[in-house]
Amino acid sequence: MIEFKDVGVRRDGRELFAGASFQLHPGHKVGLTGNNGTGKSTLFALLLTRMGRGDTEVTLDRGEVSIPDSWHVAHMAQEVGATTQSAIDYVLSGDEQWYEINASLNDLSSVSDEQIGVLHQQFDEIDGYRTPTKAAQIMAGLGFNTSQHELPVEGFSGGWRMRLNLAKTLMSRADLMLLDEPTNHLDLDAILWLETWINAFMGLVIVISHDQAFLDATVGHILHVEQQKITLYTGNYQQFIRTRHERMAQQQQAFEKQEATKAHLDDFIRRFRAKASKAKQAQSRIKQLERMAELSPMMADNPFSFRFYEPANMSSPLIELTKADIGYSDTPLLYNANVQVTPDTRLGLLGMNGAGKSTLIKALVGELGVLTGTYRVSDTLKLGYFNQHQMDILDAKATPIEMLRRLAGKTSDAMLRSFLGSFDFRGERIDTPSELFSGGERARLTLALIVWQRPNVLVLDEPTNHLDLQMRQALTIALQGFEGAVVLVSHDRELIANVCDELFLVHDGQIEEFDGDISDYGKWLAEKRKQENSSDKSTSKKKVKKRVRNLFHVKQIMVK
């Protein structure tokens, strides 16, 4: 097990943890939560340091961290370098033991006959002949098709490289697995597959995630970092929220009682410390005040308080696609699309990776022209469009208040600062160039600029990718109160369930209404994945046989 005893850690002169004590056991699935900057990544770095891994060394200020010497750790890094190595080989390299033995067996020039026998015995012991199949299954679960296996890693986009990095991590024969935002670059079908994989993993998993549904489906413990304390809760995220709120209510009551006691003691000391007959009692009360443990008042949980303004003008329909074929270079990806966006639309788009959800979004916002059919928009349309591209084109040199002022004209600075404060841009962050912002801050700023422009249609393509749990909660509440139309693509099931009134399924080139809710879609995905795995089985078997054919050949020669 992992055990923390009275652990204290400082970084850059700031105390992150003080007196942290808890135990984590094999088989535990643990969600590591806490606001940005509280030290979650530092906790990962500390564990990696204690296990002789990682790029950043973290030392203890005090206390003790105990981890079994025999344990192996797998950590999902946040960057993947460009390499010509094939995708399947990159993933297989996550199983370091298999990869080393396999490399030796495929280059026998410097290996003696005796060593060959030992290598084959080791290969059998780790069930090495099935390892390529395991790698192929992990890649399929994360959205890769077999035609991508031999492509070089450098040929994939940043998001798909992160999927490769996750696949490589999952290949490890680890006792402890550290996953930092593993769902950030996944769509819903890959997230559902990952949930199943984590639940089946026999070791200890610690995961940082801002996806509440993902945490609820995978973890049985929450390790929460707050106010330099680390508290271990039993249960999934929903249970943690309930338990924490109960503790906070108790803390508030204790704080109020303590403040009343302090006031009474202060009043006694003020009135009687100068009187000789009461001096001893007054001194006793001074010592009582000094001994009191300092309690904190219950603070408001969420720093975000924004809302969408009421749209100025709306007519119906606002956007309309009729019998539209949509695609690229005269090649349709979607056929006969019929989508109508009215002021009352609350539409969630579902579909497997590559089915065409983003293609449909681009057609709805006018970025992609239809190949056939018609596309019409209302004269009253005022579009609020969020996607990764919108974040990337923020003026890197401009500050939040400068960008907002360009839209706001003569609006007072006080009003602009108040508005930005509702998105938690306060103090120096208001005057900080956006090039220095994190992904979450850029996402919040993009949303703020959209809100200010008072749209009547919101088209949101994965708006929560970089947002923490509190901002996701605030966005959900704001969208529930929005009086215009919403079209949403998201892997955040809580957001879809709480915002969307209807679901459309994009599949096999068609767009149709989905008869069911988001949990039914999970079942639909599982069935489709099962069908695809069956159809790919023969292809995968051929590749595996080819990969290990030489090993079998060498082994048969040795037997003879």
Protein backbone atom coordinates (compact mmCIF):
# COMPACT_ATOMS: atom_id res chain seq x y z
CA MET A 1 0.00 0.00 0.00
CA ILE A 2 0.92 3.69 -0.19
CA GLU A 3 1.03 5.48 3.13
CA PHE A 4 1.45 9.18 3.88
CA LYS A 5 2.38 10.05 7.48
CA ASP A 6 2.16 13.73 8.49
CA VAL A 7 3.50 14.83 5.09
CA GLY A 8 4.32 18.47 4.43
CA VAL A 9 5.44 19.85 1.05
CA ARG A 10 6.54 23.32 -0.01
CA ARG A 11 7.16 24.49 -3.55
CA ASP A 12 8.47 27.90 -4.55
CA GLY A 13 8.19 29.03 -0.95
CA ARG A 14 4.48 28.16 -0.73
CA GLU A 15 3.10 25.46 1.53
CA LEU A 16 0.94 23.05 -0.48
CA PHE A 17 0.35 20.25 2.03
CA ALA A 18 0.62 20.15 5.80
CA GLY A 19 0.08 17.10 8.01
CA ALA A 20 -1.22 14.87 5.19
CA SER A 21 -1.91 11.32 6.42
CA PHE A 22 -3.77 8.59 4.50
CA GLN A 23 -3.44 5.06 3.12
CA LEU A 24 -4.19 3.77 -0.40
CA HIS A 25 -4.39 0.04 -1.11
CA PRO A 26 -4.00 -2.17 -4.23
CA GLY A 27 -7.24 -2.29 -6.18
CA HIS A 28 -8.36 1.15 -5.01
CA LYS A 29 -9.62 3.52 -7.70
CA VAL A 30 -9.01 7.04 -6.40
CA GLY A 31 -10.10 10.41 -7.80
CA LEU A 32 -7.68 13.22 -6.95
CA THR A 33 -9.65 16.48 -6.78
CA GLY A 34 -9.13 20.09 -5.73
CA ASN A 35 -9.08 23.56 -7.25
CA ASN A 36 -6.38 24.55 -9.71
CA GLY A 37 -3.13 25.36 -7.95
CA THR A 38 -3.84 23.33 -4.80
CA GLY A 39 -1.12 20.78 -5.60
CA LYS A 40 -2.65 17.82 -7.43
CA SER A 41 0.16 17.64 -9.99
CA THR A 42 2.69 18.10 -7.19
CA LEU A 43 1.24 15.06 -5.44
CA PHE A 44 1.75 13.03 -8.63
CA ALA A 45 5.31 14.37 -8.92
CA LEU A 46 5.98 13.42 -5.30
CA LEU A 47 4.82 9.84 -5.89
CA LEU A 48 6.95 9.59 -9.04
CA THR A 49 9.96 10.99 -7.18
CA ARG A 50 9.59 8.40 -4.42
CA MET A 51 9.47 5.66 -7.09
CA GLY A 52 12.52 6.94 -8.95
CA ARG A 53 10.58 8.25 -11.93
CA GLY A 54 9.42 11.58 -13.33
CA ASP A 55 11.12 14.72 -14.61
CA THR A 56 10.36 16.96 -11.61
CA GLU A 57 11.84 16.07 -8.23
CA VAL A 58 9.71 16.88 -5.19
CA THR A 59 11.17 16.64 -1.69
CA LEU A 60 9.36 16.39 1.62
CA ASP A 61 9.34 19.28 4.02
CA ARG A 62 8.45 16.83 6.75
CA GLY A 63 6.75 13.48 7.27
CA GLU A 64 7.14 10.16 5.49
CA VAL A 65 5.84 8.54 2.28
CA SER A 66 5.94 4.73 2.11
CA ILE A 67 5.59 2.82 -1.20
CA PRO A 68 6.55 -0.87 -1.74
CA ASP A 69 9.95 -1.18 -3.42
CA SER A 70 8.65 -3.84 -5.81
CA TRP A 71 5.91 -1.64 -7.25
CA HIS A 72 6.03 -0.35 -10.82
CA VAL A 73 4.36 2.94 -11.78
CA ALA A 74 2.82 4.09 -15.05
CA HIS A 75 2.27 7.80 -15.55
CA MET A 76 0.43 9.44 -18.43
CA ALA A 77 2.66 12.31 -19.54
CA GLN A 78 1.07 15.44 -21.00
CA GLU A 79 3.33 15.73 -24.05
CA VAL A 80 4.26 13.32 -26.86
CA GLY A 81 7.29 14.08 -28.98
CA ALA A 82 7.28 13.65 -32.74
CA THR A 83 8.78 10.30 -33.70
CA THR A 84 8.84 8.12 -36.79
CA GLN A 85 8.01 5.07 -34.66
CA SER A 86 4.77 3.40 -35.77
CA ALA A 87 1.69 3.92 -33.61
CA ILE A 88 1.40 0.24 -32.67
CA ASP A 89 5.09 0.01 -31.72
CA TYR A 90 4.80 3.19 -29.65
CA VAL A 91 1.87 1.69 -27.74
CA LEU A 92 3.65 -1.66 -27.31
CA SER A 93 6.67 0.14 -25.80
CA GLY A 94 4.45 0.90 -22.79
CA ASP A 95 4.97 -2.74 -21.77
CA GLU A 96 8.69 -2.27 -21.08
CA GLN A 97 9.34 -5.90 -20.12
CA TRP A 98 7.68 -7.27 -23.25
CA TYR A 99 9.33 -4.66 -25.46
CA GLU A 100 12.86 -5.46 -24.27
CA ILE A 101 12.43 -9.24 -24.62
CA ASN A 102 10.77 -8.90 -28.02
CA ALA A 103 13.59 -6.63 -29.27
CA SER A 104 16.18 -9.21 -28.17
CA LEU A 105 14.31 -12.08 -29.83
CA ASN A 106 14.05 -10.14 -33.08
CA ASP A 107 17.82 -9.51 -33.12
CA LEU A 108 19.55 -12.78 -32.24
CA SER A 109 22.97 -11.81 -33.61
CA SER A 110 24.36 -11.03 -30.16
CA VAL A 111 22.34 -13.60 -28.17
CA SER A 112 23.65 -17.05 -27.25
CA ASP A 113 21.56 -20.21 -27.61
CA GLU A 114 21.26 -20.46 -23.84
CA GLN A 115 20.07 -16.86 -23.62
CA ILE A 116 17.51 -17.49 -26.37
CA GLY A 117 15.98 -20.24 -24.26
CA VAL A 118 15.80 -17.98 -21.21
CA LEU A 119 14.23 -15.20 -23.26
CA HIS A 120 11.55 -17.54 -24.62
CA GLN A 121 10.80 -18.78 -21.13
CA GLN A 122 10.40 -15.19 -19.94
CA PHE A 123 8.24 -14.43 -22.97
CA ASP A 124 5.94 -17.33 -22.12
CA GLU A 125 5.75 -16.29 -18.46
CA ILE A 126 4.46 -12.81 -19.35
CA ASP A 127 2.07 -14.25 -22.00
CA GLY A 128 4.01 -12.28 -24.59
CA TYR A 129 2.35 -13.75 -27.67
CA ARG A 130 -0.95 -12.12 -26.70
CA THR A 131 0.54 -8.70 -25.97
CA PRO A 132 0.14 -7.33 -29.54
CA THR A 133 -3.51 -8.33 -29.40
CA LYS A 134 -3.90 -6.43 -26.13
CA ALA A 135 -2.29 -3.35 -27.73
CA ALA A 136 -4.65 -3.56 -30.71
CA GLN A 137 -7.66 -3.82 -28.39
CA ILE A 138 -6.58 -0.78 -26.38
CA MET A 139 -6.07 1.24 -29.56
CA ALA A 140 -9.48 0.20 -30.86
CA GLY A 141 -11.10 1.22 -27.57
CA LEU A 142 -9.51 4.66 -27.83
CA GLY A 143 -10.77 5.19 -31.37
CA PHE A 144 -7.93 4.00 -33.63
CA ASN A 145 -8.71 1.76 -36.59
CA THR A 146 -6.37 -0.95 -37.81
CA SER A 147 -5.27 1.09 -40.83
CA GLN A 148 -3.65 3.59 -38.43
CA HIS A 149 -1.47 1.05 -36.62
CA GLU A 150 1.54 1.38 -38.89
CA LEU A 151 1.35 5.17 -39.33
CA PRO A 152 4.20 7.16 -37.70
CA VAL A 153 3.41 8.93 -34.43
CA GLU A 154 4.56 12.25 -35.93
CA GLY A 155 1.75 11.99 -38.49
CA PHE A 156 -0.98 12.30 -35.84
CA SER A 157 -2.42 15.55 -34.50
CA GLY A 158 -1.73 16.65 -30.93
CA GLY A 159 -5.02 15.27 -29.61
CA TRP A 160 -4.47 11.88 -31.25
CA ARG A 161 -0.91 11.75 -29.95
CA MET A 162 -2.33 12.16 -26.46
CA ARG A 163 -4.57 9.17 -27.14
CA LEU A 164 -1.47 7.21 -28.17
CA ASN A 165 0.18 8.30 -24.94
CA LEU A 166 -2.80 7.07 -22.94
CA ALA A 167 -2.74 3.76 -24.83
CA LYS A 168 0.97 3.38 -24.08
CA THR A 169 0.29 4.03 -20.38
CA LEU A 170 -2.49 1.45 -20.27
CA MET A 171 -0.11 -1.14 -21.75
CA SER A 172 2.17 -0.94 -18.71
CA ARG A 173 2.39 -3.83 -16.26
CA ALA A 174 2.00 -1.33 -13.45
CA ASP A 175 1.00 -1.70 -9.81
CA LEU A 176 0.24 2.03 -9.61
CA MET A 177 -1.25 4.02 -12.47
CA LEU A 178 -1.33 7.83 -12.40
CA LEU A 179 -3.70 9.35 -14.95
CA ASP A 180 -3.78 13.14 -15.36
CA GLU A 181 -6.90 14.29 -17.23
CA PRO A 182 -7.11 11.11 -19.36
CA THR A 183 -10.48 12.08 -20.89
CA ASN A 184 -9.44 15.53 -22.16
CA HIS A 185 -8.86 14.40 -25.76
CA LEU A 186 -11.40 11.58 -25.85
CA ASP A 187 -14.90 11.53 -27.20
CA LEU A 188 -17.75 9.81 -25.39
CA ASP A 189 -17.34 6.34 -26.87
CA ALA A 190 -13.64 6.27 -25.90
CA ILE A 191 -14.47 7.53 -22.39
CA LEU A 192 -17.01 4.75 -21.87
CA TRP A 193 -14.44 2.18 -23.01
CA LEU A 194 -11.84 3.66 -20.64
CA GLU A 195 -14.27 3.41 -17.72
CA THR A 196 -14.61 -0.33 -18.36
CA TRP A 197 -10.83 -0.74 -18.60
CA ILE A 198 -10.15 1.10 -15.33
CA ASN A 199 -12.77 -0.90 -13.46
CA ALA A 200 -11.11 -4.14 -14.64
CA PHE A 201 -7.55 -3.01 -13.75
CA MET A 202 -6.22 -4.94 -10.74
CA GLY A 203 -3.76 -2.34 -9.43
CA LEU A 204 -4.11 1.04 -7.74
CA VAL A 205 -5.33 3.90 -9.96
CA ILE A 206 -5.16 7.58 -9.04
CA VAL A 207 -6.85 9.83 -11.57
CA ILE A 208 -7.14 13.60 -11.90
CA SER A 209 -10.29 14.43 -13.85
CA HIS A 210 -12.84 17.21 -14.22
CA ASP A 211 -15.45 14.82 -15.64
CA GLN A 212 -17.94 14.10 -12.87
CA ALA A 213 -19.70 11.24 -14.66
CA PHE A 214 -16.33 9.61 -15.38
CA LEU A 215 -15.33 9.84 -11.71
CA ASP A 216 -18.69 8.49 -10.57
CA ALA A 217 -18.31 5.49 -12.89
CA THR A 218 -14.71 4.61 -11.98
CA VAL A 219 -13.62 5.62 -8.48
CA GLY A 220 -14.49 4.37 -5.02
CA HIS A 221 -12.44 6.95 -3.12
CA ILE A 222 -11.83 10.69 -3.44
CA LEU A 223 -8.57 12.28 -2.32
CA HIS A 224 -9.42 15.97 -1.98
CA VAL A 225 -6.82 18.75 -1.67
CA GLU A 226 -8.06 21.93 -0.03
CA GLN A 227 -6.50 24.63 2.18
CA GLN A 228 -3.18 22.73 2.49
CA LYS A 229 -5.00 19.61 3.69
CA ILE A 230 -5.50 16.26 1.95
CA THR A 231 -8.65 14.38 2.97
CA LEU A 232 -9.55 10.84 1.90
CA TYR A 233 -13.26 10.21 1.36
CA THR A 234 -14.92 6.85 0.70
CA GLY A 235 -17.34 6.71 -2.24
CA ASN A 236 -17.59 8.16 -5.73
CA TYR A 237 -17.72 11.85 -6.59
CA GLN A 238 -21.43 12.33 -5.84
CA GLN A 239 -21.00 10.75 -2.41
CA PHE A 240 -17.95 12.95 -1.82
CA ILE A 241 -19.95 16.10 -2.60
CA ARG A 242 -22.67 15.12 -0.12
CA THR A 243 -20.20 14.19 2.62
CA ARG A 244 -18.11 17.31 2.10
CA HIS A 245 -21.15 19.59 2.21
CA GLU A 246 -22.19 17.99 5.49
CA ARG A 247 -18.69 18.56 6.90
CA MET A 248 -18.69 22.15 5.68
CA ALA A 249 -22.06 22.80 7.33
CA GLN A 250 -20.70 21.35 10.59
CA GLN A 251 -17.55 23.45 10.21
CA GLN A 252 -19.64 26.58 9.70
CA GLN A 253 -21.63 25.84 12.84
CA ALA A 254 -18.41 25.23 14.79
CA PHE A 255 -16.93 28.46 13.41
CA GLU A 256 -19.97 30.50 14.41
CA LYS A 257 -19.96 28.94 17.89
CA GLN A 258 -16.24 29.65 18.23
CA GLU A 259 -16.68 33.27 17.14
CA ALA A 260 -19.42 33.73 19.74
CA THR A 261 -17.16 32.21 22.41
CA LYS A 262 -14.26 34.48 21.36
CA ALA A 263 -16.49 37.53 21.53
CA HIS A 264 -17.63 36.56 25.03
CA LEU A 265 -14.03 35.97 26.20
CA ASP A 266 -12.81 39.22 24.62
CA ASP A 267 -15.61 41.12 26.35
CA PHE A 268 -14.71 39.57 29.73
CA ILE A 269 -10.98 40.31 29.26
CA ARG A 270 -11.66 43.90 28.22
CA ARG A 271 -13.91 44.55 31.22
CA PHE A 272 -11.95 42.82 33.97
CA ARG A 273 -8.24 42.51 33.17
CA ALA A 274 -7.54 45.86 34.90
CA LYS A 275 -9.32 44.78 38.12
CA ALA A 276 -7.08 43.05 40.62
CA SER A 277 -9.90 40.77 41.83
CA LYS A 278 -10.57 39.51 38.28
CA ALA A 279 -7.05 39.65 36.83
CA LYS A 280 -6.39 35.93 37.35
CA GLN A 281 -9.65 34.97 35.61
CA ALA A 282 -8.92 37.39 32.75
CA GLN A 283 -5.44 35.89 32.31
CA SER A 284 -7.00 32.41 32.21
CA ARG A 285 -9.34 33.50 29.43
CA ILE A 286 -6.43 35.01 27.45
CA LYS A 287 -4.71 31.63 27.55
CA GLN A 288 -7.98 29.95 26.54
CA LEU A 289 -8.15 32.20 23.48
CA GLU A 290 -4.56 31.38 22.56
CA ARG A 291 -5.24 27.62 22.79
CA MET A 292 -8.24 27.74 20.47
CA ALA A 293 -7.72 25.97 17.13
CA GLU A 294 -8.32 28.44 14.34
CA LEU A 295 -11.43 27.43 12.37
CA SER A 296 -12.24 28.76 8.91
CA PRO A 297 -15.70 29.92 7.88
CA MET A 298 -17.43 27.94 5.16
CA MET A 299 -16.43 29.63 1.93
CA ALA A 300 -18.60 29.84 -1.19
CA ASP A 301 -17.54 26.90 -3.33
CA ASN A 302 -17.78 28.33 -6.81
CA PRO A 303 -15.89 31.43 -7.98
CA PHE A 304 -17.93 31.59 -11.21
CA SER A 305 -21.27 33.40 -11.30
CA PHE A 306 -21.95 34.33 -14.92
CA ARG A 307 -25.19 34.07 -16.87
CA PHE A 308 -26.20 34.50 -20.50
CA TYR A 309 -28.03 37.70 -21.39
CA GLU A 310 -31.50 37.55 -22.89
CA PRO A 311 -31.21 37.64 -26.73
CA ALA A 312 -32.42 40.88 -28.30
CA ASN A 313 -34.18 39.50 -31.40
CA MET A 314 -35.22 36.06 -32.58
CA SER A 315 -37.26 34.60 -35.39
CA SER A 316 -37.92 31.00 -36.34
CA PRO A 317 -36.15 29.08 -37.76
CA LEU A 318 -32.78 30.61 -36.98
CA ILE A 319 -30.72 28.03 -38.92
CA GLU A 320 -32.03 25.45 -41.38
CA LEU A 321 -30.38 22.62 -43.32
CA THR A 322 -32.66 20.91 -45.84
CA LYS A 323 -31.79 17.75 -47.79
CA ALA A 324 -28.15 18.71 -47.51
CA ASP A 325 -25.16 16.59 -48.46
CA ILE A 326 -22.15 17.79 -46.45
CA GLY A 327 -18.50 16.92 -46.92
CA TYR A 328 -15.12 17.93 -48.29
CA SER A 329 -13.75 18.19 -51.85
CA ASP A 330 -17.05 17.13 -53.41
CA THR A 331 -17.06 13.94 -51.30
CA PRO A 332 -20.09 13.77 -48.98
CA LEU A 333 -19.60 12.59 -45.42
CA LEU A 334 -23.23 13.24 -44.43
CA TYR A 335 -26.21 12.67 -46.69
CA ASN A 336 -29.68 14.25 -46.85
CA ALA A 337 -29.24 16.20 -43.61
CA ASN A 338 -32.35 17.91 -42.29
CA VAL A 339 -31.74 20.07 -39.20
CA GLN A 340 -33.80 23.02 -38.03
CA VAL A 341 -32.65 25.27 -35.19
CA THR A 342 -35.47 27.28 -33.59
CA PRO A 343 -35.40 29.53 -30.49
CA ASP A 344 -36.53 26.54 -28.40
CA THR A 345 -33.88 24.09 -29.71
CA ARG A 346 -31.82 22.26 -27.07
CA LEU A 347 -29.98 19.75 -29.24
CA GLY A 348 -27.19 17.36 -28.30
CA LEU A 349 -25.25 15.69 -31.11
CA LEU A 350 -24.09 12.11 -30.53
CA GLY A 351 -21.95 9.84 -32.67
CA MET A 352 -18.80 7.77 -32.71
CA ASN A 353 -15.42 9.29 -33.42
CA GLY A 354 -15.16 10.31 -37.08
CA ALA A 355 -18.90 9.97 -37.72
CA GLY A 356 -19.20 13.64 -38.73
CA LYS A 357 -20.40 15.59 -35.68
CA SER A 358 -17.85 18.39 -36.19
CA THR A 359 -18.61 18.38 -39.93
CA LEU A 360 -22.27 18.99 -39.16
CA ILE A 361 -21.34 21.74 -36.70
CA LYS A 362 -19.23 23.49 -39.36
CA ALA A 363 -22.15 23.36 -41.78
CA LEU A 364 -24.56 24.78 -39.19
CA VAL A 365 -22.31 27.78 -38.47
CA GLY A 366 -21.57 28.38 -42.16
CA GLU A 367 -17.88 27.40 -42.11
CA LEU A 368 -18.51 24.54 -44.51
CA GLY A 369 -20.78 24.94 -47.51
CA VAL A 370 -23.28 22.22 -48.40
CA LEU A 371 -22.57 20.12 -51.51
CA THR A 372 -26.25 19.76 -52.34
CA GLY A 373 -29.48 20.92 -50.71
CA THR A 374 -30.04 24.24 -48.97
CA TYR A 375 -28.63 26.16 -46.02
CA ARG A 376 -30.54 29.17 -44.71
CA VAL A 377 -30.10 31.47 -41.72
CA SER A 378 -32.41 34.10 -40.29
CA ASP A 379 -31.66 37.80 -40.59
CA THR A 380 -31.91 37.90 -36.79
CA LEU A 381 -29.27 35.20 -36.26
CA LYS A 382 -26.59 36.18 -33.76
CA LEU A 383 -24.26 33.22 -33.41
CA GLY A 384 -22.14 32.30 -30.43
CA TYR A 385 -19.72 29.61 -31.63
CA PHE A 386 -17.23 27.87 -29.34
CA ASN A 387 -14.61 25.37 -30.47
CA GLN A 388 -10.90 24.74 -30.04
CA HIS A 389 -10.12 27.00 -33.02
CA GLN A 390 -11.86 29.95 -31.36
CA MET A 391 -9.60 29.53 -28.32
CA ASP A 392 -6.50 29.32 -30.49
CA ILE A 393 -7.17 32.61 -32.31
CA LEU A 394 -7.39 34.76 -29.17
CA ASP A 395 -5.10 37.76 -29.42
CA ALA A 396 -2.04 36.40 -27.60
CA LYS A 397 -0.68 39.83 -26.71
CA ALA A 398 -3.96 41.30 -25.49
CA THR A 399 -5.34 41.10 -21.94
CA PRO A 400 -8.92 40.05 -21.09
CA ILE A 401 -10.04 43.61 -20.46
CA GLU A 402 -8.46 44.82 -23.72
CA MET A 403 -10.27 42.14 -25.74
CA LEU A 404 -13.55 42.81 -23.97
CA ARG A 405 -13.21 46.59 -24.45
CA ARG A 406 -12.96 46.06 -28.24
CA LEU A 407 -16.45 44.55 -28.09
CA ALA A 408 -17.91 46.78 -25.38
CA GLY A 409 -17.23 50.26 -26.77
CA LYS A 410 -17.86 52.95 -24.16
CA THR A 411 -18.83 50.61 -21.33
CA SER A 412 -17.11 51.62 -18.08
CA ASP A 413 -14.04 49.78 -16.82
CA ALA A 414 -15.86 49.03 -13.57
CA MET A 415 -18.59 47.16 -15.43
CA LEU A 416 -16.08 45.28 -17.60
CA ARG A 417 -14.08 44.24 -14.54
CA SER A 418 -17.20 43.10 -12.74
CA PHE A 419 -18.22 41.03 -15.78
CA LEU A 420 -14.78 39.43 -16.08
CA GLY A 421 -14.84 38.74 -12.36
CA SER A 422 -17.89 36.52 -12.86
CA PHE A 423 -15.59 34.28 -14.95
CA ASP A 424 -12.97 34.44 -12.17
CA PHE A 425 -10.69 36.92 -13.94
CA ARG A 426 -9.74 39.13 -11.03
CA GLY A 427 -6.82 41.23 -9.90
CA GLU A 428 -3.73 40.91 -12.04
CA ARG A 429 -5.27 38.21 -14.31
CA ILE A 430 -7.49 40.87 -15.91
CA ASP A 431 -4.37 42.67 -17.12
CA THR A 432 -2.35 39.55 -18.06
CA PRO A 433 -1.74 38.79 -21.79
CA SER A 434 -3.67 35.70 -22.86
CA GLU A 435 -0.49 34.01 -24.14
CA LEU A 436 0.35 33.38 -20.47
CA PHE A 437 -2.98 31.69 -19.76
CA SER A 438 -3.62 28.00 -19.23
CA GLY A 439 -6.00 26.09 -21.49
CA GLY A 440 -8.76 26.47 -18.90
CA GLU A 441 -8.27 30.24 -18.67
CA ARG A 442 -8.35 30.61 -22.47
CA ALA A 443 -11.55 28.56 -22.60
CA ARG A 444 -13.14 30.76 -19.90
CA LEU A 445 -12.08 33.93 -21.70
CA THR A 446 -13.51 32.68 -25.00
CA LEU A 447 -16.82 31.92 -23.30
CA ALA A 448 -16.82 35.34 -21.64
CA LEU A 449 -16.38 37.10 -25.00
CA ILE A 450 -19.22 35.01 -26.47
CA VAL A 451 -21.55 35.79 -23.54
CA TRP A 452 -20.90 39.53 -23.82
CA GLN A 453 -22.06 39.56 -27.45
CA ARG A 454 -25.55 38.36 -26.47
CA PRO A 455 -26.02 35.52 -29.01
CA ASN A 456 -29.40 33.94 -29.73
CA VAL A 457 -27.86 30.63 -30.91
CA LEU A 458 -25.04 28.88 -29.08
CA VAL A 459 -23.14 26.23 -31.02
CA LEU A 460 -20.69 24.57 -28.63
CA ASP A 461 -18.19 21.96 -29.83
CA GLU A 462 -16.57 20.33 -26.76
CA PRO A 463 -16.75 23.45 -24.57
CA THR A 464 -15.66 21.68 -21.35
CA ASN A 465 -12.37 20.14 -22.53
CA HIS A 466 -10.21 22.48 -20.45
CA LEU A 467 -12.71 23.45 -17.75
CA ASP A 468 -12.56 22.31 -14.14
CA LEU A 469 -15.55 20.91 -12.27
CA GLN A 470 -16.62 24.25 -10.82
CA MET A 471 -16.62 26.01 -14.19
CA ARG A 472 -18.48 23.09 -15.75
CA GLN A 473 -21.11 23.40 -13.06
CA ALA A 474 -21.39 27.16 -13.64
CA LEU A 475 -21.66 26.65 -17.43
CA THR A 476 -24.40 24.06 -16.95
CA ILE A 477 -26.43 26.42 -14.76
CA ALA A 478 -25.91 29.32 -17.18
CA LEU A 479 -27.01 27.21 -20.18
CA GLN A 480 -30.10 26.04 -18.30
CA GLY A 481 -31.10 29.70 -17.94
CA PHE A 482 -30.21 30.68 -21.52
CA GLU A 483 -33.28 31.82 -23.47
CA GLY A 484 -31.92 31.11 -26.94
CA ALA A 485 -31.10 27.94 -28.90
CA VAL A 486 -28.31 25.50 -28.00
CA VAL A 487 -26.53 22.96 -30.23
CA LEU A 488 -24.01 20.95 -28.23
CA VAL A 489 -21.28 18.39 -28.88
CA SER A 490 -19.69 17.22 -25.64
CA HIS A 491 -18.24 14.18 -23.94
CA ASP A 492 -19.52 15.58 -20.63
CA ARG A 493 -22.61 13.47 -19.96
CA GLU A 494 -23.74 15.66 -17.05
CA LEU A 495 -23.78 18.69 -19.34
CA ILE A 496 -25.74 16.91 -22.08
CA ALA A 497 -28.25 15.43 -19.63
CA ASN A 498 -28.90 18.76 -17.89
CA VAL A 499 -29.00 21.04 -20.96
CA CYS A 500 -30.34 19.10 -23.97
CA ASP A 501 -34.00 18.27 -24.58
CA GLU A 502 -33.38 16.20 -27.72
CA LEU A 503 -30.52 14.09 -29.06
CA PHE A 504 -29.51 13.53 -32.69
CA LEU A 505 -27.33 10.59 -33.70
CA VAL A 506 -24.74 11.01 -36.45
CA HIS A 507 -23.90 7.56 -37.83
CA ASP A 508 -23.16 5.94 -41.19
CA GLY A 509 -23.58 9.24 -43.03
CA GLN A 510 -27.04 9.86 -41.61
CA ILE A 511 -28.48 12.24 -39.02
CA GLU A 512 -31.52 11.02 -37.14
CA GLU A 513 -33.26 11.58 -33.83
CA PHE A 514 -31.95 9.28 -31.10
CA ASP A 515 -34.69 7.48 -29.22
CA GLY A 516 -33.34 7.36 -25.69
CA ASP A 517 -31.21 9.26 -23.19
CA ILE A 518 -27.46 9.54 -22.70
CA SER A 519 -27.28 6.25 -20.77
CA ASP A 520 -29.08 4.49 -23.66
CA TYR A 521 -26.45 5.91 -25.99
CA GLY A 522 -23.78 4.22 -23.89
CA LYS A 523 -25.53 0.88 -24.46
CA TRP A 524 -25.80 1.61 -28.19
CA LEU A 525 -22.08 2.35 -28.32
CA ALA A 526 -21.22 -0.88 -26.52
CA GLU A 527 -23.22 -2.89 -29.05
CA LYS A 528 -21.63 -1.14 -32.02
CA ARG A 529 -18.17 -1.64 -30.56
CA LYS A 530 -18.90 -5.34 -30.12
CA GLN A 531 -19.95 -5.60 -33.78
CA GLU A 532 -16.87 -3.73 -34.99
CA ASN A 533 -14.53 -5.84 -32.85
CA SER A 534 -16.00 -8.97 -34.41
CA SER A 535 -15.48 -7.66 -37.93
CA ASP A 536 -11.91 -6.56 -37.17
CA LYS A 537 -10.99 -9.78 -35.39
CA SER A 538 -9.67 -11.63 -38.42
CA THR A 539 -7.62 -8.62 -39.58
CA SER A 540 -6.11 -8.17 -36.14
CA LYS A 541 -5.24 -11.87 -35.89
CA LYS A 542 -3.35 -11.75 -39.18
CA LYS A 543 -1.26 -8.79 -37.96
CA VAL A 544 -0.50 -10.47 -34.65
CA LYS A 545 0.55 -13.70 -36.38
CA LYS A 546 2.85 -11.76 -38.67
CA ARG A 547 4.40 -9.91 -35.72
CA VAL A 548 5.26 -13.08 -33.76
CA ARG A 549 5.90 -15.50 -36.65
CA ASN A 550 9.67 -15.17 -36.36
CA LEU A 551 9.52 -15.88 -32.65
CA PHE A 552 7.61 -19.12 -33.17
CA HIS A 553 10.03 -20.11 -35.91
CA VAL A 554 13.05 -19.63 -33.64
CA LYS A 555 11.36 -21.52 -30.81
CA GLN A 556 10.57 -24.52 -33.06
CA ILE A 557 14.20 -24.69 -34.21
CA MET A 558 15.33 -24.81 -30.59
CA VAL A 559 12.86 -27.62 -29.76
CA LYS A 560 14.20 -29.69 -32.66
